[in-house]
Each structure stands twice: as C-alpha cells, then as structure tokens.
Amino acid sequence: MQRPVHPHRAPLAETRDLRRERELVERELREIERREIERREIERRELELLVQHLERNPLRIVREIVVELPAAAAAREPMAAPVAAPVAAAATAAAAAVAHEPTEGIDFGDIPNDYLCPITMLPMEDPVMCTDGHSYERSAIEEWFTRKTTSPKTGSRLTTTMVIPNIALKGAIREYIERRKKEGASAAVADTL
C-alpha cells in the first residue's frame, strides 16, 4: 500500500529537480563560454606567431597576405584590430625586404615548384618529407609542428610529426642551383665580351 505524499513535499522535490536542472544548464553554459575563450586565445596566439614568422621570413609574406590570410578571413570572423595592425606592419616591412632581397646573381624566377618549400616559398636547403607525402624545409616544418599537427599543404590532420630527409630532392636542388650559378657566370662573361 502506498503512503500518501505530503502536500508540501511534492513542490520541494520539483523545486530540487528544477534547481539541479538549472545548475546543469549553467554549468554547460560556463563550459561553452570557457571553450569559446580558449578558442579565441588560440587564434590570437596563432596570429601572433604568424606575425613573428612573417617578420623572420619576408618572402613568405606575399603568399601569406595574398592567398592564405584572405582565405582564413573568409572562413573565420574578421581579424581583431589589435592583431590586424601588426600584420599590416609586417607586410609592409616584408614587401620592402622582398624588393631589395639580394639574389646572389641567381635568377630563381623559373625554379620548379617542387624545389620550393610550401611554407617559406624559398628553395629548400634541407628538404624533409612529411607523412602527407610532401617535402618541406626542415626548419619550417619543425616550426609548423610547434603550433599545429596538420599538413601545411593539405590541411589534413597528420598521425605523426616525424620527418624523413629527402636526399634525392636535396641533390636535385643542389644541381639546379649549381647549374644556375654556372649559367649566371657564363652570361656575365658574355656581357663583358
């Protein structure tokens, strides 16, 4: 036989249930807010690293500003004003550096794309192959892996950040550079005659 429920206890039980439910909802909202703050902080740090990277690698700025940043801006919300100013300043400095970059007498205008690091857009000196099957300059990909575990070329998540020296590509790049140096020296001698 069931005992009758006291009339004052039923509302208390409902109140307790509503309080628990409200606490759960508030906890979930705090967690969502915490994740959003974390996401914004990560984006801010990535942009700061990008600015530092662009200041160290002025030739890369052209690709970053012209191709990658507009794509990122379209995919995300616009950059915050405090970050946009340093990026613009880095772009200006890099553009000036690119315009006065010494070429050491070698014209790399027709260098094969396979010889250029996809991150720095410079001829590779120490090419390494990543698990995505693409080759990168060792220092550039190692720096990339300090921030991300995705492929710089495809954007897909990588299972490992291990890299393997690409000896064949290194040899091919060296041969190309030596050939270009000889061609440059031959052209200089022909100009003096």
C-alpha atoms as a PDB file:
ATOM      1  CA  MET A   1       0.000   0.000   0.000  1.00  0.00           C
ATOM      2  CA  GLN A   2       1.347   3.419  -0.996  1.00  0.00           C
ATOM      3  CA  ARG A   3       1.842   6.060   1.561  1.00  0.00           C
ATOM      4  CA  PRO A   4       0.227   9.362   0.760  1.00  0.00           C
ATOM      5  CA  VAL A   5       2.626  12.098  -0.318  1.00  0.00           C
ATOM      6  CA  HIS A   6       2.671  15.042   1.977  1.00  0.00           C
ATOM      7  CA  PRO A   7       1.324  18.050   0.049  1.00  0.00           C
ATOM      8  CA  HIS A   8       4.334  20.259   0.932  1.00  0.00           C
ATOM      9  CA  ARG A   9       6.951  17.689  -0.135  1.00  0.00           C
ATOM     10  CA  ALA A  10       5.886  17.388  -3.770  1.00  0.00           C
ATOM     11  CA  PRO A  11       6.667  21.032  -4.577  1.00  0.00           C
ATOM     12  CA  LEU A  12      10.013  20.716  -2.741  1.00  0.00           C
ATOM     13  CA  ALA A  13      11.007  17.734  -4.888  1.00  0.00           C
ATOM     14  CA  GLU A  14      10.034  19.614  -8.046  1.00  0.00           C
ATOM     15  CA  THR A  15      11.972  22.656  -6.842  1.00  0.00           C
ATOM     16  CA  ARG A  16      15.049  20.478  -6.196  1.00  0.00           C
ATOM     17  CA  ASP A  17      14.764  18.960  -9.676  1.00  0.00           C
ATOM     18  CA  LEU A  18      14.409  22.391 -11.273  1.00  0.00           C
ATOM     19  CA  ARG A  19      17.393  23.670  -9.274  1.00  0.00           C
ATOM     20  CA  ARG A  20      19.522  20.721 -10.423  1.00  0.00           C
ATOM     21  CA  GLU A  21      18.435  21.241 -13.994  1.00  0.00           C
ATOM     22  CA  ARG A  22      19.234  24.953 -13.802  1.00  0.00           C
ATOM     23  CA  GLU A  23      22.667  24.167 -12.304  1.00  0.00           C
ATOM     24  CA  LEU A  24      23.365  21.711 -15.129  1.00  0.00           C
ATOM     25  CA  VAL A  25      22.380  24.288 -17.735  1.00  0.00           C
ATOM     26  CA  GLU A  26      24.509  26.951 -16.042  1.00  0.00           C
ATOM     27  CA  ARG A  27      27.464  24.541 -15.887  1.00  0.00           C
ATOM     28  CA  GLU A  28      27.076  23.759 -19.595  1.00  0.00           C
ATOM     29  CA  LEU A  29      26.918  27.467 -20.433  1.00  0.00           C
ATOM     30  CA  ARG A  30      30.082  28.125 -18.408  1.00  0.00           C
ATOM     31  CA  GLU A  31      31.816  25.271 -20.242  1.00  0.00           C
ATOM     32  CA  ILE A  32      30.738  26.642 -23.636  1.00  0.00           C
ATOM     33  CA  GLU A  33      31.976  30.104 -22.645  1.00  0.00           C
ATOM     34  CA  ARG A  34      35.290  28.638 -21.401  1.00  0.00           C
ATOM     35  CA  ARG A  35      35.788  26.781 -24.712  1.00  0.00           C
ATOM     36  CA  GLU A  36      34.997  29.945 -26.696  1.00  0.00           C
ATOM     37  CA  ILE A  37      37.537  31.934 -24.654  1.00  0.00           C
ATOM     38  CA  GLU A  38      40.121  29.166 -25.228  1.00  0.00           C
ATOM     39  CA  ARG A  39      39.389  29.161 -28.974  1.00  0.00           C
ATOM     40  CA  ARG A  40      39.842  32.939 -29.184  1.00  0.00           C
ATOM     41  CA  GLU A  41      43.091  32.744 -27.189  1.00  0.00           C
ATOM     42  CA  ILE A  42      44.427  30.028 -29.505  1.00  0.00           C
ATOM     43  CA  GLU A  43      43.527  32.109 -32.566  1.00  0.00           C
ATOM     44  CA  ARG A  44      45.198  35.165 -31.011  1.00  0.00           C
ATOM     45  CA  ARG A  45      48.382  33.163 -30.303  1.00  0.00           C
ATOM     46  CA  GLU A  46      48.359  31.711 -33.834  1.00  0.00           C
ATOM     47  CA  LEU A  47      48.102  35.197 -35.306  1.00  0.00           C
ATOM     48  CA  GLU A  48      50.938  36.441 -33.093  1.00  0.00           C
ATOM     49  CA  LEU A  49      53.084  33.507 -34.237  1.00  0.00           C
ATOM     50  CA  LEU A  50      52.149  34.268 -37.821  1.00  0.00           C
ATOM     51  CA  VAL A  51      53.303  37.867 -37.396  1.00  0.00           C
ATOM     52  CA  GLN A  52      56.609  36.684 -35.893  1.00  0.00           C
ATOM     53  CA  HIS A  53      57.027  34.131 -38.692  1.00  0.00           C
ATOM     54  CA  LEU A  54      56.319  36.734 -41.356  1.00  0.00           C
ATOM     55  CA  GLU A  55      58.840  39.132 -39.842  1.00  0.00           C
ATOM     56  CA  ARG A  56      61.533  36.396 -39.998  1.00  0.00           C
ATOM     57  CA  ASN A  57      60.575  35.147 -43.489  1.00  0.00           C
ATOM     58  CA  PRO A  58      59.822  38.197 -45.637  1.00  0.00           C
ATOM     59  CA  LEU A  59      59.478  36.293 -48.908  1.00  0.00           C
ATOM     60  CA  ARG A  60      56.718  34.183 -47.381  1.00  0.00           C
ATOM     61  CA  ILE A  61      54.664  37.298 -46.662  1.00  0.00           C
ATOM     62  CA  VAL A  62      53.475  37.553 -50.246  1.00  0.00           C
ATOM     63  CA  ARG A  63      51.830  34.153 -50.132  1.00  0.00           C
ATOM     64  CA  GLU A  64      50.521  34.679 -46.577  1.00  0.00           C
ATOM     65  CA  ILE A  65      48.928  38.038 -47.322  1.00  0.00           C
ATOM     66  CA  VAL A  66      47.720  37.414 -50.849  1.00  0.00           C
ATOM     67  CA  VAL A  67      46.488  33.811 -50.562  1.00  0.00           C
ATOM     68  CA  GLU A  68      46.212  32.398 -47.072  1.00  0.00           C
ATOM     69  CA  LEU A  69      45.016  35.284 -44.904  1.00  0.00           C
ATOM     70  CA  PRO A  70      42.063  36.182 -47.154  1.00  0.00           C
ATOM     71  CA  ALA A  71      41.030  32.507 -47.164  1.00  0.00           C
ATOM     72  CA  ALA A  72      41.306  32.358 -43.383  1.00  0.00           C
ATOM     73  CA  ALA A  73      39.370  35.603 -43.037  1.00  0.00           C
ATOM     74  CA  ALA A  74      36.602  34.261 -45.229  1.00  0.00           C
ATOM     75  CA  ALA A  75      36.426  31.071 -43.167  1.00  0.00           C
ATOM     76  CA  ARG A  76      36.510  32.857 -39.806  1.00  0.00           C
ATOM     77  CA  GLU A  77      35.403  36.117 -38.363  1.00  0.00           C
ATOM     78  CA  PRO A  78      37.488  39.177 -39.291  1.00  0.00           C
ATOM     79  CA  MET A  79      40.809  39.681 -37.515  1.00  0.00           C
ATOM     80  CA  ALA A  80      40.729  41.732 -34.356  1.00  0.00           C
ATOM     81  CA  ALA A  81      42.057  45.268 -34.708  1.00  0.00           C
ATOM     82  CA  PRO A  82      44.983  44.742 -32.283  1.00  0.00           C
ATOM     83  CA  VAL A  83      46.263  41.905 -34.464  1.00  0.00           C
ATOM     84  CA  ALA A  84      45.494  43.434 -37.861  1.00  0.00           C
ATOM     85  CA  ALA A  85      47.881  46.377 -37.338  1.00  0.00           C
ATOM     86  CA  PRO A  86      50.983  44.219 -36.657  1.00  0.00           C
ATOM     87  CA  VAL A  87      50.134  42.004 -39.632  1.00  0.00           C
ATOM     88  CA  ALA A  88      49.886  45.062 -41.874  1.00  0.00           C
ATOM     89  CA  ALA A  89      53.169  46.421 -40.485  1.00  0.00           C
ATOM     90  CA  ALA A  90      54.879  43.071 -41.077  1.00  0.00           C
ATOM     91  CA  ALA A  91      53.503  43.028 -44.635  1.00  0.00           C
ATOM     92  CA  THR A  92      54.920  46.471 -45.347  1.00  0.00           C
ATOM     93  CA  ALA A  93      58.339  45.584 -43.909  1.00  0.00           C
ATOM     94  CA  ALA A  94      58.422  42.274 -45.751  1.00  0.00           C
ATOM     95  CA  ALA A  95      57.414  43.818 -49.057  1.00  0.00           C
ATOM     96  CA  ALA A  96      60.302  46.285 -48.709  1.00  0.00           C
ATOM     97  CA  ALA A  97      62.680  43.435 -47.847  1.00  0.00           C
ATOM     98  CA  VAL A  98      61.498  41.374 -50.815  1.00  0.00           C
ATOM     99  CA  ALA A  99      62.036  44.293 -53.166  1.00  0.00           C
ATOM    100  CA  HIS A 100      65.681  44.604 -52.023  1.00  0.00           C
ATOM    101  CA  GLU A 101      66.439  40.894 -51.469  1.00  0.00           C
ATOM    102  CA  PRO A 102      69.880  40.042 -52.909  1.00  0.00           C
ATOM    103  CA  THR A 103      69.717  37.159 -55.362  1.00  0.00           C
ATOM    104  CA  GLU A 104      73.446  36.429 -55.376  1.00  0.00           C
ATOM    105  CA  GLY A 105      73.396  36.540 -59.174  1.00  0.00           C
ATOM    106  CA  ILE A 106      70.969  33.627 -59.477  1.00  0.00           C
ATOM    107  CA  ASP A 107      67.595  34.059 -61.138  1.00  0.00           C
ATOM    108  CA  PHE A 108      65.127  31.764 -59.396  1.00  0.00           C
ATOM    109  CA  GLY A 109      62.228  33.033 -61.481  1.00  0.00           C
ATOM    110  CA  ASP A 110      61.803  29.695 -63.245  1.00  0.00           C
ATOM    111  CA  ILE A 111      62.690  27.389 -60.337  1.00  0.00           C
ATOM    112  CA  PRO A 112      60.470  24.305 -60.287  1.00  0.00           C
ATOM    113  CA  ASN A 113      57.744  24.496 -57.638  1.00  0.00           C
ATOM    114  CA  ASP A 114      58.892  21.134 -56.259  1.00  0.00           C
ATOM    115  CA  TYR A 115      62.144  22.816 -55.196  1.00  0.00           C
ATOM    116  CA  LEU A 116      60.315  25.494 -53.180  1.00  0.00           C
ATOM    117  CA  CYS A 117      59.204  24.861 -49.602  1.00  0.00           C
ATOM    118  CA  PRO A 118      55.397  25.240 -49.489  1.00  0.00           C
ATOM    119  CA  ILE A 119      55.741  27.080 -46.178  1.00  0.00           C
ATOM    120  CA  THR A 120      58.556  29.560 -46.892  1.00  0.00           C
ATOM    121  CA  MET A 121      58.258  29.637 -50.700  1.00  0.00           C
ATOM    122  CA  LEU A 122      62.084  29.582 -50.833  1.00  0.00           C
ATOM    123  CA  PRO A 123      64.383  26.977 -52.406  1.00  0.00           C
ATOM    124  CA  MET A 124      64.882  24.202 -49.858  1.00  0.00           C
ATOM    125  CA  GLU A 125      68.335  23.605 -48.410  1.00  0.00           C
ATOM    126  CA  ASP A 126      67.420  20.695 -46.117  1.00  0.00           C
ATOM    127  CA  PRO A 127      64.254  19.139 -47.574  1.00  0.00           C
ATOM    128  CA  VAL A 128      62.411  16.577 -45.479  1.00  0.00           C
ATOM    129  CA  MET A 129      59.376  14.510 -46.345  1.00  0.00           C
ATOM    130  CA  CYS A 130      56.366  14.571 -44.070  1.00  0.00           C
ATOM    131  CA  THR A 131      53.755  11.829 -43.677  1.00  0.00           C
ATOM    132  CA  ASP A 132      51.476  13.758 -46.044  1.00  0.00           C
ATOM    133  CA  GLY A 133      53.916  12.862 -48.847  1.00  0.00           C
ATOM    134  CA  HIS A 134      55.067  16.454 -49.433  1.00  0.00           C
ATOM    135  CA  SER A 135      58.533  17.891 -48.854  1.00  0.00           C
ATOM    136  CA  TYR A 136      59.278  20.941 -46.717  1.00  0.00           C
ATOM    137  CA  GLU A 137      62.308  22.832 -45.447  1.00  0.00           C
ATOM    138  CA  ARG A 138      63.251  21.109 -42.163  1.00  0.00           C
ATOM    139  CA  SER A 139      63.301  24.274 -40.035  1.00  0.00           C
ATOM    140  CA  ALA A 140      59.979  25.481 -41.458  1.00  0.00           C
ATOM    141  CA  ILE A 141      58.092  22.222 -40.878  1.00  0.00           C
ATOM    142  CA  GLU A 142      59.579  21.838 -37.395  1.00  0.00           C
ATOM    143  CA  GLU A 143      58.362  25.337 -36.547  1.00  0.00           C
ATOM    144  CA  TRP A 144      54.965  24.484 -38.072  1.00  0.00           C
ATOM    145  CA  PHE A 145      54.698  21.403 -35.843  1.00  0.00           C
ATOM    146  CA  THR A 146      55.235  23.504 -32.720  1.00  0.00           C
ATOM    147  CA  ARG A 147      51.848  25.095 -33.481  1.00  0.00           C
ATOM    148  CA  LYS A 148      49.874  22.527 -35.460  1.00  0.00           C
ATOM    149  CA  THR A 149      49.670  18.837 -36.287  1.00  0.00           C
ATOM    150  CA  THR A 150      48.111  19.305 -39.701  1.00  0.00           C
ATOM    151  CA  SER A 151      49.621  19.228 -43.164  1.00  0.00           C
ATOM    152  CA  PRO A 152      50.604  22.726 -44.331  1.00  0.00           C
ATOM    153  CA  LYS A 153      49.776  21.726 -47.895  1.00  0.00           C
ATOM    154  CA  THR A 154      46.501  19.794 -47.484  1.00  0.00           C
ATOM    155  CA  GLY A 155      45.262  20.871 -44.054  1.00  0.00           C
ATOM    156  CA  SER A 156      44.543  17.269 -43.080  1.00  0.00           C
ATOM    157  CA  ARG A 157      45.447  16.023 -39.590  1.00  0.00           C
ATOM    158  CA  LEU A 158      48.725  14.098 -39.511  1.00  0.00           C
ATOM    159  CA  THR A 159      49.159  10.944 -37.450  1.00  0.00           C
ATOM    160  CA  THR A 160      52.791  11.761 -36.673  1.00  0.00           C
ATOM    161  CA  THR A 161      55.130  14.719 -36.908  1.00  0.00           C
ATOM    162  CA  MET A 162      58.071  12.534 -37.887  1.00  0.00           C
ATOM    163  CA  VAL A 163      60.003  13.733 -40.956  1.00  0.00           C
ATOM    164  CA  ILE A 164      62.417  11.873 -43.236  1.00  0.00           C
ATOM    165  CA  PRO A 165      65.304  13.543 -45.116  1.00  0.00           C
ATOM    166  CA  ASN A 166      64.549  13.810 -48.837  1.00  0.00           C
ATOM    167  CA  ILE A 167      68.082  13.167 -50.106  1.00  0.00           C
ATOM    168  CA  ALA A 168      67.093  12.841 -53.767  1.00  0.00           C
ATOM    169  CA  LEU A 169      65.343  16.207 -53.754  1.00  0.00           C
ATOM    170  CA  LYS A 170      68.260  17.818 -51.915  1.00  0.00           C
ATOM    171  CA  GLY A 171      70.624  16.590 -54.645  1.00  0.00           C
ATOM    172  CA  ALA A 172      68.336  17.804 -57.419  1.00  0.00           C
ATOM    173  CA  ILE A 173      68.058  21.268 -55.848  1.00  0.00           C
ATOM    174  CA  ARG A 174      71.853  21.485 -55.443  1.00  0.00           C
ATOM    175  CA  GLU A 175      72.354  20.516 -59.095  1.00  0.00           C
ATOM    176  CA  TYR A 176      69.804  23.114 -60.192  1.00  0.00           C
ATOM    177  CA  ILE A 177      71.466  25.861 -58.131  1.00  0.00           C
ATOM    178  CA  GLU A 178      74.944  24.941 -59.402  1.00  0.00           C
ATOM    179  CA  ARG A 179      73.665  24.941 -62.995  1.00  0.00           C
ATOM    180  CA  ARG A 180      72.032  28.367 -62.467  1.00  0.00           C
ATOM    181  CA  LYS A 181      75.276  29.708 -60.961  1.00  0.00           C
ATOM    182  CA  LYS A 182      77.246  28.490 -63.985  1.00  0.00           C
ATOM    183  CA  GLU A 183      74.679  29.978 -66.361  1.00  0.00           C
ATOM    184  CA  GLY A 184      74.873  33.275 -64.465  1.00  0.00           C
ATOM    185  CA  ALA A 185      78.683  33.268 -64.629  1.00  0.00           C
ATOM    186  CA  SER A 186      78.588  32.431 -68.357  1.00  0.00           C
ATOM    187  CA  ALA A 187      76.157  35.276 -69.008  1.00  0.00           C
ATOM    188  CA  ALA A 188      78.345  37.695 -67.060  1.00  0.00           C
ATOM    189  CA  VAL A 189      81.417  36.688 -69.083  1.00  0.00           C
ATOM    190  CA  ALA A 190      79.459  37.024 -72.358  1.00  0.00           C
ATOM    191  CA  ASP A 191      78.320  40.516 -71.306  1.00  0.00           C
ATOM    192  CA  THR A 192      81.919  41.637 -70.812  1.00  0.00           C
ATOM    193  CA  LEU A 193      82.981  40.490 -74.297  1.00  0.00           C
END
